[in-house]
């Protein structure tokens, strides 16, 4: 049987970075805050993301930072205007956590861990009066009140304002399952389909190649691709061959245009430069150099350092005729065509794109279709590469939504 609690000033639904930041702003503004989350504890995805080193933000110049958000750069910049990467670092230092800048420009806590930061943050929020309600799964609204499923049955909450920060649809086992999408759609909120971001891709490897090279890293390579405007571009980095395709930091950085091309065309092609530090002229000269009795594979290893998974890729992607033609082989070493067939499932992605369209929001982050309801974080239709950009924008959007809700309450 459903029970109804006493009215709460503000309900924040979602205990990830965006929701916690919204709660901090609201509590600092002097209103009562109740935070609800479906999981047994807050910040589960935040903690797992920090296992390999908690990358908080990036130290690159702000003029280079903002364009990382692609077609949503202008909208995200409006959030960052009030909480930029430098402000993120100052905020973390205020929690008693020191940071440092790595060689890549990425910013990390000194101990590289997420747990101490989260503990300090939750302690601050509790001291500010934020009340936490775990194992409360939001189901939507009933008679104007928020409806939750709890271990003790359904519960309705009357809130004077609400901030939704329920995440996207990646890593559903940690709570970001996108279950809110049909709820908002039923309320006439305009949504973009949720799709994987920072994801891997399937290539339909042969069984021989997959069994032999799955898990092998490709270091010091580059990927040529068509960018979002259809122009040829190239980026250097590293990635990993998987049993079904490719993934890793370089692939994640390019996932947005590649995903969209697959959606539009059914597949897309990238071009792998196996030796990006060598010119086309040098590669051609080395391939054409007399090899005597040595095999082609031994010759490539000796002259260009191509062996292991790189050599396997040449065999996998070229016909025998192409492989045995020195001119075509040299060209392939600098631009080996690789067809990407599909993205990996959204549940495997680091993050997701899609969600609440910016056109469905007021400038304050309030839903046009639901006055008093604000949205933050990955629920909104934007995306960012790894490297601290995603987390920084989640923090900033949470602050924006919290401030929007606070201002709305003061006007009401």
Protein backbone atom coordinates (compact mmCIF):
# COMPACT_ATOMS: atom_id res chain seq x y z
CA UNK A 1 0.00 0.00 0.00
CA UNK A 2 1.41 3.40 -0.95
CA UNK A 3 2.27 5.82 1.83
CA UNK A 4 2.81 9.55 1.61
CA UNK A 5 5.54 11.41 3.50
CA UNK A 6 5.46 15.02 4.60
CA UNK A 7 6.30 17.52 1.81
CA UNK A 8 10.00 17.97 1.09
CA UNK A 9 11.41 21.28 -0.10
CA UNK A 10 13.48 19.79 -2.95
CA UNK A 11 13.94 16.23 -4.18
CA UNK A 12 17.16 15.35 -5.99
CA UNK A 13 16.82 12.01 -7.75
CA UNK A 14 20.14 10.38 -8.58
CA UNK A 15 23.25 10.12 -6.41
CA UNK A 16 25.93 10.51 -9.08
CA UNK A 17 28.18 13.57 -9.59
CA UNK A 18 25.45 15.73 -11.16
CA UNK A 19 22.88 14.95 -8.48
CA UNK A 20 25.30 15.40 -5.60
CA UNK A 21 26.43 18.74 -7.02
CA UNK A 22 22.84 19.92 -7.39
CA UNK A 23 22.19 18.91 -3.78
CA UNK A 24 25.24 20.88 -2.63
CA UNK A 25 24.08 24.05 -4.36
CA UNK A 26 20.55 23.72 -3.01
CA UNK A 27 21.67 23.02 0.55
CA UNK A 28 24.03 25.99 0.41
CA UNK A 29 21.02 28.06 -0.69
CA UNK A 30 19.24 27.27 2.55
CA UNK A 31 16.55 24.85 1.37
CA UNK A 32 15.89 21.35 2.62
CA UNK A 33 17.17 18.62 0.30
CA UNK A 34 16.20 14.96 0.10
CA UNK A 35 18.34 12.88 -2.26
CA UNK A 36 16.97 9.60 -3.60
CA UNK A 37 18.85 6.82 -5.42
CA UNK A 38 17.86 3.34 -6.54
CA UNK A 39 21.17 1.80 -5.49
CA UNK A 40 22.28 0.93 -1.93
CA UNK A 41 24.86 3.74 -1.96
CA UNK A 42 25.74 6.88 -3.92
CA UNK A 43 28.29 7.33 -6.67
CA UNK A 44 28.69 3.72 -7.79
CA UNK A 45 29.58 4.53 -11.39
CA UNK A 46 31.83 7.34 -10.14
CA UNK A 47 33.73 4.88 -7.96
CA UNK A 48 34.10 2.27 -10.69
CA UNK A 49 35.27 4.88 -13.20
CA UNK A 50 37.97 5.85 -10.72
CA UNK A 51 39.41 2.37 -10.34
CA UNK A 52 41.99 2.98 -13.05
CA UNK A 53 42.83 6.45 -11.73
CA UNK A 54 40.25 9.13 -10.97
CA UNK A 55 40.51 11.54 -13.91
CA UNK A 56 38.67 14.62 -12.62
CA UNK A 57 39.19 17.19 -15.36
CA UNK A 58 41.76 18.43 -17.89
CA UNK A 59 44.29 21.24 -17.67
CA UNK A 60 44.34 22.29 -21.32
CA UNK A 61 43.51 25.94 -22.13
CA UNK A 62 39.83 26.76 -21.84
CA UNK A 63 39.56 27.73 -25.52
CA UNK A 64 40.66 24.18 -26.40
CA UNK A 65 38.61 22.57 -23.63
CA UNK A 66 35.16 23.79 -24.70
CA UNK A 67 35.24 22.44 -28.30
CA UNK A 68 35.68 18.92 -26.90
CA UNK A 69 31.90 18.86 -26.50
CA UNK A 70 31.37 18.93 -30.26
CA UNK A 71 28.00 20.07 -31.52
CA UNK A 72 26.85 20.79 -27.94
CA UNK A 73 29.84 23.00 -27.09
CA UNK A 74 27.75 26.17 -26.83
CA UNK A 75 25.22 24.60 -24.46
CA UNK A 76 27.87 22.98 -22.27
CA UNK A 77 29.85 26.23 -22.24
CA UNK A 78 26.86 27.86 -20.52
CA UNK A 79 27.31 25.37 -17.65
CA UNK A 80 31.08 25.74 -17.60
CA UNK A 81 30.81 29.52 -17.41
CA UNK A 82 29.95 29.12 -13.72
CA UNK A 83 32.06 26.03 -12.95
CA UNK A 84 35.05 25.67 -15.26
CA UNK A 85 37.95 23.18 -14.95
CA UNK A 86 39.91 25.50 -12.64
CA UNK A 87 36.86 25.82 -10.40
CA UNK A 88 36.56 22.03 -10.31
CA UNK A 89 40.12 21.75 -8.99
CA UNK A 90 39.49 24.47 -6.38
CA UNK A 91 36.33 22.70 -5.28
CA UNK A 92 38.19 19.40 -4.86
CA UNK A 93 40.93 21.12 -2.87
CA UNK A 94 38.17 22.49 -0.62
CA UNK A 95 37.26 18.90 0.20
CA UNK A 96 40.81 18.33 1.42
CA UNK A 97 41.88 16.39 -1.68
CA UNK A 98 45.07 17.47 -3.47
CA UNK A 99 45.36 17.13 -7.26
CA UNK A 100 48.13 16.95 -9.84
CA UNK A 101 48.40 17.30 -13.61
CA UNK A 102 49.62 14.20 -15.46
CA UNK A 103 51.88 14.21 -18.49
CA UNK A 104 48.82 14.06 -20.76
CA UNK A 105 47.34 17.18 -19.15
CA UNK A 106 44.71 15.17 -17.31
CA UNK A 107 44.01 16.13 -13.69
CA UNK A 108 43.92 13.49 -10.95
CA UNK A 109 43.61 13.36 -7.16
CA UNK A 110 47.08 12.87 -5.71
CA UNK A 111 46.23 9.36 -4.52
CA UNK A 112 44.51 8.57 -7.87
CA UNK A 113 41.42 7.29 -6.03
CA UNK A 114 37.74 8.25 -6.15
CA UNK A 115 36.67 6.86 -2.78
CA UNK A 116 38.32 9.49 -0.50
CA UNK A 117 36.84 12.30 -2.60
CA UNK A 118 33.37 10.77 -2.49
CA UNK A 119 33.57 10.17 1.27
CA UNK A 120 34.59 13.77 1.92
CA UNK A 121 31.85 15.05 -0.35
CA UNK A 122 29.11 12.98 1.28
CA UNK A 123 30.31 14.08 4.71
CA UNK A 124 30.01 17.71 3.64
CA UNK A 125 26.51 17.16 2.24
CA UNK A 126 25.27 15.41 5.38
CA UNK A 127 26.71 18.22 7.51
CA UNK A 128 24.78 20.66 5.32
CA UNK A 129 21.55 18.83 6.11
CA UNK A 130 21.05 16.76 2.96
CA UNK A 131 18.98 13.67 3.74
CA UNK A 132 19.83 10.49 1.78
CA UNK A 133 17.27 7.84 0.87
CA UNK A 134 18.78 4.75 -0.74
CA UNK A 135 16.99 1.93 -2.57
CA UNK A 136 14.36 4.38 -3.79
CA UNK A 137 13.75 3.75 -7.48
CA UNK A 138 11.90 6.59 -9.16
CA UNK A 139 8.88 5.43 -11.18
CA UNK A 140 7.45 8.78 -12.27
CA UNK A 141 4.54 10.74 -10.84
CA UNK A 142 1.23 9.82 -9.24
CA UNK A 143 -1.37 12.52 -8.70
CA UNK A 144 1.37 15.16 -9.00
CA UNK A 145 3.64 13.55 -6.41
CA UNK A 146 6.90 11.69 -7.05
CA UNK A 147 6.42 7.93 -7.04
CA UNK A 148 9.15 5.58 -5.78
CA UNK A 149 9.55 1.84 -5.42
CA UNK A 150 11.22 1.05 -2.10
CA UNK A 151 11.97 -2.13 -0.12
CA UNK A 152 8.85 -1.31 1.91
CA UNK A 153 6.60 -0.83 -1.10
CA UNK A 154 5.62 2.16 -3.19
CA UNK A 155 6.01 5.60 -1.70
CA UNK A 156 4.89 9.02 -2.91
CA UNK A 157 6.75 12.23 -2.12
CA UNK A 158 5.42 15.76 -2.52
CA UNK A 159 8.31 18.03 -3.49
CA UNK A 160 8.21 21.74 -4.22
CA UNK A 161 10.96 21.30 -6.82
CA UNK A 162 12.75 18.30 -8.29
CA UNK A 163 16.16 17.77 -9.87
CA UNK A 164 16.45 14.64 -12.02
CA UNK A 165 20.04 13.37 -12.36
CA UNK A 166 19.52 9.73 -13.25
CA UNK A 167 22.42 9.25 -15.66
CA UNK A 168 22.31 7.84 -19.16
CA UNK A 169 22.03 4.20 -20.15
CA UNK A 170 25.59 2.90 -19.85
CA UNK A 171 26.57 0.54 -17.03
CA UNK A 172 22.97 -0.32 -16.04
CA UNK A 173 24.14 -2.61 -13.24
CA UNK A 174 25.36 0.53 -11.47
CA UNK A 175 22.03 2.31 -11.85
CA UNK A 176 22.32 4.18 -15.17
CA UNK A 177 19.76 2.14 -17.08
CA UNK A 178 17.78 4.81 -18.95
CA UNK A 179 14.52 3.60 -17.39
CA UNK A 180 13.48 7.24 -17.00
CA UNK A 181 13.18 7.75 -20.78
CA UNK A 182 9.66 6.32 -21.27
CA UNK A 183 8.50 8.11 -18.11
CA UNK A 184 9.54 11.49 -19.49
CA UNK A 185 8.33 10.64 -22.97
CA UNK A 186 4.86 10.01 -21.52
CA UNK A 187 5.04 13.53 -20.07
CA UNK A 188 5.61 14.96 -23.57
CA UNK A 189 9.30 15.67 -22.96
CA UNK A 190 11.19 15.61 -26.24
CA UNK A 191 14.01 13.02 -26.17
CA UNK A 192 16.81 11.98 -28.50
CA UNK A 193 17.39 8.19 -28.59
CA UNK A 194 19.96 6.97 -26.07
CA UNK A 195 23.03 5.62 -27.90
CA UNK A 196 26.51 4.46 -26.82
CA UNK A 197 29.33 6.96 -26.50
CA UNK A 198 33.00 6.32 -25.75
CA UNK A 199 32.38 2.82 -27.02
CA UNK A 200 34.04 0.00 -28.94
CA UNK A 201 33.10 -1.31 -32.37
CA UNK A 202 32.67 -4.71 -34.02
CA UNK A 203 34.68 -5.57 -37.14
CA UNK A 204 33.67 -9.18 -37.87
CA UNK A 205 37.17 -10.61 -37.48
CA UNK A 206 37.97 -14.03 -38.83
CA UNK A 207 38.12 -16.74 -36.17
CA UNK A 208 41.86 -17.12 -36.76
CA UNK A 209 42.63 -13.44 -36.21
CA UNK A 210 40.33 -13.15 -33.19
CA UNK A 211 41.77 -16.19 -31.45
CA UNK A 212 45.34 -15.12 -32.14
CA UNK A 213 45.19 -11.39 -31.37
CA UNK A 214 42.23 -10.60 -29.08
CA UNK A 215 43.52 -8.41 -26.26
CA UNK A 216 46.60 -7.24 -28.15
CA UNK A 217 47.37 -3.50 -27.84
CA UNK A 218 48.12 -1.36 -30.87
CA UNK A 219 50.51 1.35 -29.73
CA UNK A 220 51.94 4.21 -31.76
CA UNK A 221 49.29 4.07 -34.46
CA UNK A 222 46.88 6.56 -35.98
CA UNK A 223 43.33 6.30 -37.27
CA UNK A 224 42.16 8.15 -40.34
CA UNK A 225 38.41 8.79 -40.40
CA UNK A 226 35.67 11.06 -41.66
CA UNK A 227 34.78 13.65 -39.04
CA UNK A 228 31.27 14.93 -38.24
CA UNK A 229 31.47 17.27 -41.24
CA UNK A 230 32.53 14.52 -43.65
CA UNK A 231 36.12 15.81 -43.90
CA UNK A 232 39.07 13.44 -43.78
CA UNK A 233 40.88 13.63 -40.42
CA UNK A 234 43.55 11.69 -38.58
CA UNK A 235 44.37 11.14 -34.92
CA UNK A 236 47.30 9.40 -33.25
CA UNK A 237 47.07 7.23 -30.14
CA UNK A 238 46.55 3.66 -29.10
CA UNK A 239 43.78 1.10 -28.92
CA UNK A 240 43.18 -2.59 -28.36
CA UNK A 241 42.00 -5.43 -30.58
CA UNK A 242 39.10 -7.30 -28.96
CA UNK A 243 37.55 -10.65 -29.81
CA UNK A 244 34.98 -8.87 -31.98
CA UNK A 245 36.57 -5.56 -32.98
CA UNK A 246 38.42 -2.60 -31.47
CA UNK A 247 38.22 -0.42 -28.37
CA UNK A 248 40.43 1.81 -26.23
CA UNK A 249 41.26 5.47 -25.78
CA UNK A 250 41.84 6.35 -29.44
CA UNK A 251 38.67 4.58 -30.55
CA UNK A 252 36.62 6.20 -27.79
CA UNK A 253 37.81 9.64 -28.86
CA UNK A 254 36.39 9.03 -32.34
CA UNK A 255 33.29 7.11 -31.34
CA UNK A 256 30.76 9.90 -31.90
CA UNK A 257 31.25 10.46 -35.67
CA UNK A 258 31.89 6.75 -36.29
CA UNK A 259 28.69 5.78 -34.45
CA UNK A 260 26.65 8.32 -36.39
CA UNK A 261 28.09 7.15 -39.72
CA UNK A 262 27.16 3.55 -38.95
CA UNK A 263 23.64 4.65 -38.02
CA UNK A 264 23.30 6.51 -41.32
CA UNK A 265 25.07 4.07 -43.67
CA UNK A 266 25.01 0.67 -41.97
CA UNK A 267 28.80 0.60 -41.56
CA UNK A 268 31.82 2.89 -41.85
CA UNK A 269 35.48 2.60 -42.78
CA UNK A 270 38.53 3.87 -40.93
CA UNK A 271 42.13 3.77 -42.11
CA UNK A 272 44.83 2.52 -39.76
CA UNK A 273 48.31 4.03 -40.04
CA UNK A 274 50.52 1.32 -38.59
CA UNK A 275 53.66 3.48 -38.58
CA UNK A 276 52.55 7.12 -38.12
CA UNK A 277 56.09 8.30 -37.37
CA UNK A 278 57.27 7.24 -40.84
CA UNK A 279 56.43 9.10 -44.05
CA UNK A 280 54.73 7.43 -46.99
CA UNK A 281 57.96 7.83 -48.95
CA UNK A 282 60.03 6.05 -46.33
CA UNK A 283 57.53 3.22 -46.00
CA UNK A 284 57.44 2.74 -49.76
CA UNK A 285 61.24 2.73 -49.92
CA UNK A 286 61.54 0.14 -47.14
CA UNK A 287 58.91 -2.15 -48.62
CA UNK A 288 60.55 -1.96 -52.05
CA UNK A 289 64.04 -2.55 -50.65
CA UNK A 290 65.42 -5.92 -51.86
CA UNK A 291 64.69 -8.60 -49.25
CA UNK A 292 66.60 -11.54 -50.67
CA UNK A 293 65.35 -14.84 -49.31
CA UNK A 294 63.47 -13.29 -46.40
CA UNK A 295 59.70 -13.57 -46.26
CA UNK A 296 57.59 -10.44 -46.55
CA UNK A 297 56.66 -10.65 -42.86
CA UNK A 298 60.33 -10.91 -41.80
CA UNK A 299 61.20 -8.02 -44.10
CA UNK A 300 58.46 -5.78 -42.62
CA UNK A 301 59.56 -6.59 -39.09
CA UNK A 302 63.21 -5.86 -39.88
CA UNK A 303 62.69 -2.65 -41.83
CA UNK A 304 59.56 -1.13 -40.24
CA UNK A 305 59.06 -2.93 -36.93
CA UNK A 306 55.76 -4.41 -38.09
CA UNK A 307 55.07 -7.69 -36.32
CA UNK A 308 52.55 -9.33 -34.04
CA UNK A 309 49.07 -7.80 -34.20
CA UNK A 310 50.13 -5.17 -36.76
CA UNK A 311 51.33 -7.89 -39.11
CA UNK A 312 48.15 -9.83 -38.37
CA UNK A 313 46.02 -6.85 -39.33
CA UNK A 314 47.70 -6.63 -42.73
CA UNK A 315 46.94 -10.29 -43.35
CA UNK A 316 43.38 -9.89 -42.07
CA UNK A 317 42.44 -6.81 -44.07
CA UNK A 318 44.30 -7.36 -47.35
CA UNK A 319 43.80 -9.95 -50.05
CA UNK A 320 46.76 -12.14 -50.93
CA UNK A 321 47.12 -10.20 -54.17
CA UNK A 322 47.29 -6.87 -52.33
CA UNK A 323 49.69 -8.23 -49.71
CA UNK A 324 52.11 -9.46 -52.39
CA UNK A 325 52.01 -6.19 -54.35
CA UNK A 326 54.75 -3.93 -52.83
CA UNK A 327 53.10 -0.66 -53.87
CA UNK A 328 49.67 -1.63 -52.53
CA UNK A 329 51.21 -3.11 -49.37
CA UNK A 330 53.13 0.11 -48.68
CA UNK A 331 49.97 2.16 -49.16
CA UNK A 332 48.05 -0.14 -46.79
CA UNK A 333 50.69 0.18 -44.07
CA UNK A 334 49.96 3.91 -44.00
CA UNK A 335 46.19 3.62 -44.54
CA UNK A 336 44.87 0.11 -43.89
CA UNK A 337 41.09 0.12 -44.50
CA UNK A 338 39.10 -1.38 -41.65
CA UNK A 339 35.32 -1.69 -41.81
CA UNK A 340 33.42 -1.05 -38.57
CA UNK A 341 30.11 -2.90 -38.62
CA UNK A 342 28.35 -1.83 -35.42
CA UNK A 343 28.88 -0.26 -32.01
CA UNK A 344 29.19 -2.46 -29.00
CA UNK A 345 26.04 -2.56 -26.81
CA UNK A 346 25.24 0.57 -24.84
CA UNK A 347 25.55 -1.37 -21.57
CA UNK A 348 29.28 -1.75 -22.31
CA UNK A 349 29.88 1.90 -23.20
CA UNK A 350 31.70 4.28 -20.89
CA UNK A 351 28.91 6.81 -21.37
CA UNK A 352 25.86 7.46 -23.51
CA UNK A 353 24.59 10.22 -25.78
CA UNK A 354 21.00 11.24 -26.37
CA UNK A 355 18.36 11.95 -23.77
CA UNK A 356 16.48 15.14 -22.97
CA UNK A 357 16.89 17.56 -25.87
CA UNK A 358 18.06 21.08 -25.06
CA UNK A 359 14.96 22.37 -26.87
CA UNK A 360 12.90 20.69 -24.13
CA UNK A 361 14.65 22.75 -21.44
CA UNK A 362 14.46 26.32 -20.26
CA UNK A 363 17.80 28.11 -19.94
CA UNK A 364 17.64 27.28 -16.21
CA UNK A 365 17.55 23.52 -16.94
CA UNK A 366 13.84 23.24 -16.12
CA UNK A 367 11.66 21.02 -18.28
CA UNK A 368 9.28 23.12 -20.34
CA UNK A 369 6.68 20.34 -20.01
CA UNK A 370 7.09 19.99 -16.21
CA UNK A 371 7.47 23.28 -14.32
CA UNK A 372 9.56 22.83 -11.19
CA UNK A 373 11.40 19.79 -12.59
CA UNK A 374 15.06 20.31 -13.54
CA UNK A 375 17.44 17.92 -15.33
CA UNK A 376 21.21 17.47 -15.04
CA UNK A 377 24.07 15.26 -16.17
CA UNK A 378 24.00 12.47 -18.73
CA UNK A 379 20.20 12.56 -18.96
CA UNK A 380 20.64 15.53 -21.32
CA UNK A 381 21.55 15.17 -25.00
CA UNK A 382 25.29 15.92 -25.00
CA UNK A 383 28.43 13.83 -24.92
CA UNK A 384 32.15 14.22 -24.29
CA UNK A 385 35.32 12.19 -24.74
CA UNK A 386 37.18 10.63 -21.86
CA UNK A 387 39.92 12.71 -20.29
CA UNK A 388 37.95 14.53 -17.58
CA UNK A 389 35.57 16.30 -19.97
CA UNK A 390 32.57 14.11 -19.16
CA UNK A 391 32.92 14.45 -15.40
CA UNK A 392 33.56 18.19 -15.51
CA UNK A 393 30.37 18.80 -17.49
CA UNK A 394 28.37 16.56 -15.14
CA UNK A 395 29.58 18.63 -12.18
CA UNK A 396 28.81 21.87 -13.99
CA UNK A 397 25.36 20.79 -15.18
CA UNK A 398 24.48 19.68 -11.66
CA UNK A 399 25.42 23.09 -10.30
CA UNK A 400 23.40 24.77 -13.04
CA UNK A 401 20.31 22.65 -12.33
CA UNK A 402 20.65 23.18 -8.58
CA UNK A 403 20.91 26.93 -9.04
CA UNK A 404 18.00 26.88 -11.48
CA UNK A 405 15.82 25.06 -8.94
CA UNK A 406 16.90 27.43 -6.18
CA UNK A 407 16.04 30.50 -8.25
CA UNK A 408 12.68 28.99 -9.23
CA UNK A 409 11.82 28.33 -5.58
CA UNK A 410 12.68 31.89 -4.65
CA UNK A 411 10.38 33.20 -7.39
CA UNK A 412 7.50 30.86 -6.57
